[in-house]
Amino acid sequence: MLHCARKQDNYAAGPLTLLAISARPWCSAVTMPSPSSPCTGICRIDRKTGWCEGCRRTLDEIADWAMLTATEQRALLARLEQRS
């Protein structure tokens, strides 16, 4: 469930009210910008892990980055933090 709040205004959205949220430009659930690419410019794939040595993404994750939603990009960034 998406939650948008401004001052005392609490607003919870289900599938039928998502359009109403988009009319609220202050709602971060809809207007949150995409994060920057995790690319570090060190682009070498480790043969054992299949991860880029610079950003820790797989080739598929690198190729898909531009097509992911901001939410999916943030989820991927969280997974990358777990890779060591």
C-alpha atoms as a PDB file:
ATOM      1  CA  MET A   1       0.000   0.000   0.000  1.00  0.00           C
ATOM      2  CA  LEU A   2       1.298   3.459  -0.876  1.00  0.00           C
ATOM      3  CA  HIS A   3       1.230   6.135   1.779  1.00  0.00           C
ATOM      4  CA  CYS A   4       1.463   9.847   1.095  1.00  0.00           C
ATOM      5  CA  ALA A   5       1.489  12.407   3.847  1.00  0.00           C
ATOM      6  CA  ARG A   6       1.747  16.194   3.941  1.00  0.00           C
ATOM      7  CA  LYS A   7       1.273  17.997   7.226  1.00  0.00           C
ATOM      8  CA  GLN A   8      -1.827  16.419   8.808  1.00  0.00           C
ATOM      9  CA  ASP A   9      -3.087  14.931   5.550  1.00  0.00           C
ATOM     10  CA  ASN A  10      -2.695  11.131   5.565  1.00  0.00           C
ATOM     11  CA  TYR A  11      -3.627   9.381   2.355  1.00  0.00           C
ATOM     12  CA  ALA A  12      -3.486   5.640   1.718  1.00  0.00           C
ATOM     13  CA  ALA A  13      -3.886   4.367  -1.820  1.00  0.00           C
ATOM     14  CA  GLY A  14      -5.142   1.148  -3.285  1.00  0.00           C
ATOM     15  CA  PRO A  15      -5.225   0.230  -6.951  1.00  0.00           C
ATOM     16  CA  LEU A  16      -8.293   2.348  -7.661  1.00  0.00           C
ATOM     17  CA  THR A  17      -6.897   5.530  -6.112  1.00  0.00           C
ATOM     18  CA  LEU A  18      -3.417   5.564  -7.657  1.00  0.00           C
ATOM     19  CA  LEU A  19      -4.623   8.072 -10.247  1.00  0.00           C
ATOM     20  CA  ALA A  20      -5.670  10.397  -7.427  1.00  0.00           C
ATOM     21  CA  ILE A  21      -2.156  10.217  -5.963  1.00  0.00           C
ATOM     22  CA  SER A  22      -0.569  11.192  -9.262  1.00  0.00           C
ATOM     23  CA  ALA A  23      -2.493  14.457  -9.062  1.00  0.00           C
ATOM     24  CA  ARG A  24      -0.622  15.233  -5.816  1.00  0.00           C
ATOM     25  CA  PRO A  25       2.859  16.438  -6.913  1.00  0.00           C
ATOM     26  CA  TRP A  26       4.109  16.401  -3.312  1.00  0.00           C
ATOM     27  CA  CYS A  27       3.506  12.651  -3.003  1.00  0.00           C
ATOM     28  CA  SER A  28       6.899  10.919  -2.988  1.00  0.00           C
ATOM     29  CA  ALA A  29       5.292   7.549  -3.735  1.00  0.00           C
ATOM     30  CA  VAL A  30       4.686   8.736  -7.288  1.00  0.00           C
ATOM     31  CA  THR A  31       7.246  11.474  -7.939  1.00  0.00           C
ATOM     32  CA  MET A  32      10.330   9.826  -6.418  1.00  0.00           C
ATOM     33  CA  PRO A  33      13.207  10.215  -8.915  1.00  0.00           C
ATOM     34  CA  SER A  34      15.238   7.277 -10.153  1.00  0.00           C
ATOM     35  CA  PRO A  35      18.522   6.629  -8.374  1.00  0.00           C
ATOM     36  CA  SER A  36      21.823   7.056 -10.187  1.00  0.00           C
ATOM     37  CA  SER A  37      23.435   4.054 -11.807  1.00  0.00           C
ATOM     38  CA  PRO A  38      25.807   2.186  -9.491  1.00  0.00           C
ATOM     39  CA  CYS A  39      28.408   1.968 -12.280  1.00  0.00           C
ATOM     40  CA  THR A  40      31.882   2.915 -11.042  1.00  0.00           C
ATOM     41  CA  GLY A  41      33.621   2.719 -14.412  1.00  0.00           C
ATOM     42  CA  ILE A  42      35.507  -0.428 -13.371  1.00  0.00           C
ATOM     43  CA  CYS A  43      33.823  -2.825 -15.758  1.00  0.00           C
ATOM     44  CA  ARG A  44      35.254  -6.318 -15.406  1.00  0.00           C
ATOM     45  CA  ILE A  45      33.152  -9.427 -14.831  1.00  0.00           C
ATOM     46  CA  ASP A  46      34.434 -11.847 -12.191  1.00  0.00           C
ATOM     47  CA  ARG A  47      34.279 -15.333 -13.712  1.00  0.00           C
ATOM     48  CA  LYS A  48      33.468 -17.007 -10.367  1.00  0.00           C
ATOM     49  CA  THR A  49      30.574 -14.786  -9.271  1.00  0.00           C
ATOM     50  CA  GLY A  50      29.421 -13.345 -12.601  1.00  0.00           C
ATOM     51  CA  TRP A  51      29.414  -9.893 -10.960  1.00  0.00           C
ATOM     52  CA  CYS A  52      31.053  -6.751 -12.257  1.00  0.00           C
ATOM     53  CA  GLU A  53      34.085  -5.985 -10.093  1.00  0.00           C
ATOM     54  CA  GLY A  54      33.122  -2.294  -9.959  1.00  0.00           C
ATOM     55  CA  CYS A  55      29.383  -2.266  -9.260  1.00  0.00           C
ATOM     56  CA  ARG A  56      28.702  -5.916  -8.329  1.00  0.00           C
ATOM     57  CA  ARG A  57      25.891  -6.249 -10.894  1.00  0.00           C
ATOM     58  CA  THR A  58      25.472  -9.178 -13.260  1.00  0.00           C
ATOM     59  CA  LEU A  59      25.485  -8.587 -17.011  1.00  0.00           C
ATOM     60  CA  ASP A  60      21.685  -8.962 -17.047  1.00  0.00           C
ATOM     61  CA  GLU A  61      21.306  -6.417 -14.225  1.00  0.00           C
ATOM     62  CA  ILE A  62      23.568  -3.976 -16.070  1.00  0.00           C
ATOM     63  CA  ALA A  63      21.624  -4.424 -19.318  1.00  0.00           C
ATOM     64  CA  ASP A  64      18.235  -4.087 -17.574  1.00  0.00           C
ATOM     65  CA  TRP A  65      19.066  -1.005 -15.448  1.00  0.00           C
ATOM     66  CA  ALA A  66      17.546   1.591 -17.790  1.00  0.00           C
ATOM     67  CA  MET A  67      14.316  -0.404 -18.136  1.00  0.00           C
ATOM     68  CA  LEU A  68      13.742  -0.859 -14.385  1.00  0.00           C
ATOM     69  CA  THR A  69      11.341   1.341 -12.472  1.00  0.00           C
ATOM     70  CA  ALA A  70      12.760   3.557  -9.715  1.00  0.00           C
ATOM     71  CA  THR A  71      11.411   1.081  -7.150  1.00  0.00           C
ATOM     72  CA  GLU A  72      13.091  -1.845  -8.925  1.00  0.00           C
ATOM     73  CA  GLN A  73      16.356   0.107  -9.155  1.00  0.00           C
ATOM     74  CA  ARG A  74      16.272   0.790  -5.408  1.00  0.00           C
ATOM     75  CA  ALA A  75      15.598  -2.894  -4.714  1.00  0.00           C
ATOM     76  CA  LEU A  76      18.590  -3.828  -6.865  1.00  0.00           C
ATOM     77  CA  LEU A  77      20.786  -1.307  -5.057  1.00  0.00           C
ATOM     78  CA  ALA A  78      19.744  -2.886  -1.742  1.00  0.00           C
ATOM     79  CA  ARG A  79      20.712  -6.344  -3.069  1.00  0.00           C
ATOM     80  CA  LEU A  80      24.063  -5.007  -4.263  1.00  0.00           C
ATOM     81  CA  GLU A  81      24.857  -3.831  -0.722  1.00  0.00           C
ATOM     82  CA  GLN A  82      24.537  -7.456   0.417  1.00  0.00           C
ATOM     83  CA  ARG A  83      27.095  -8.705  -2.119  1.00  0.00           C
ATOM     84  CA  SER A  84      30.671  -8.786  -0.897  1.00  0.00           C
END
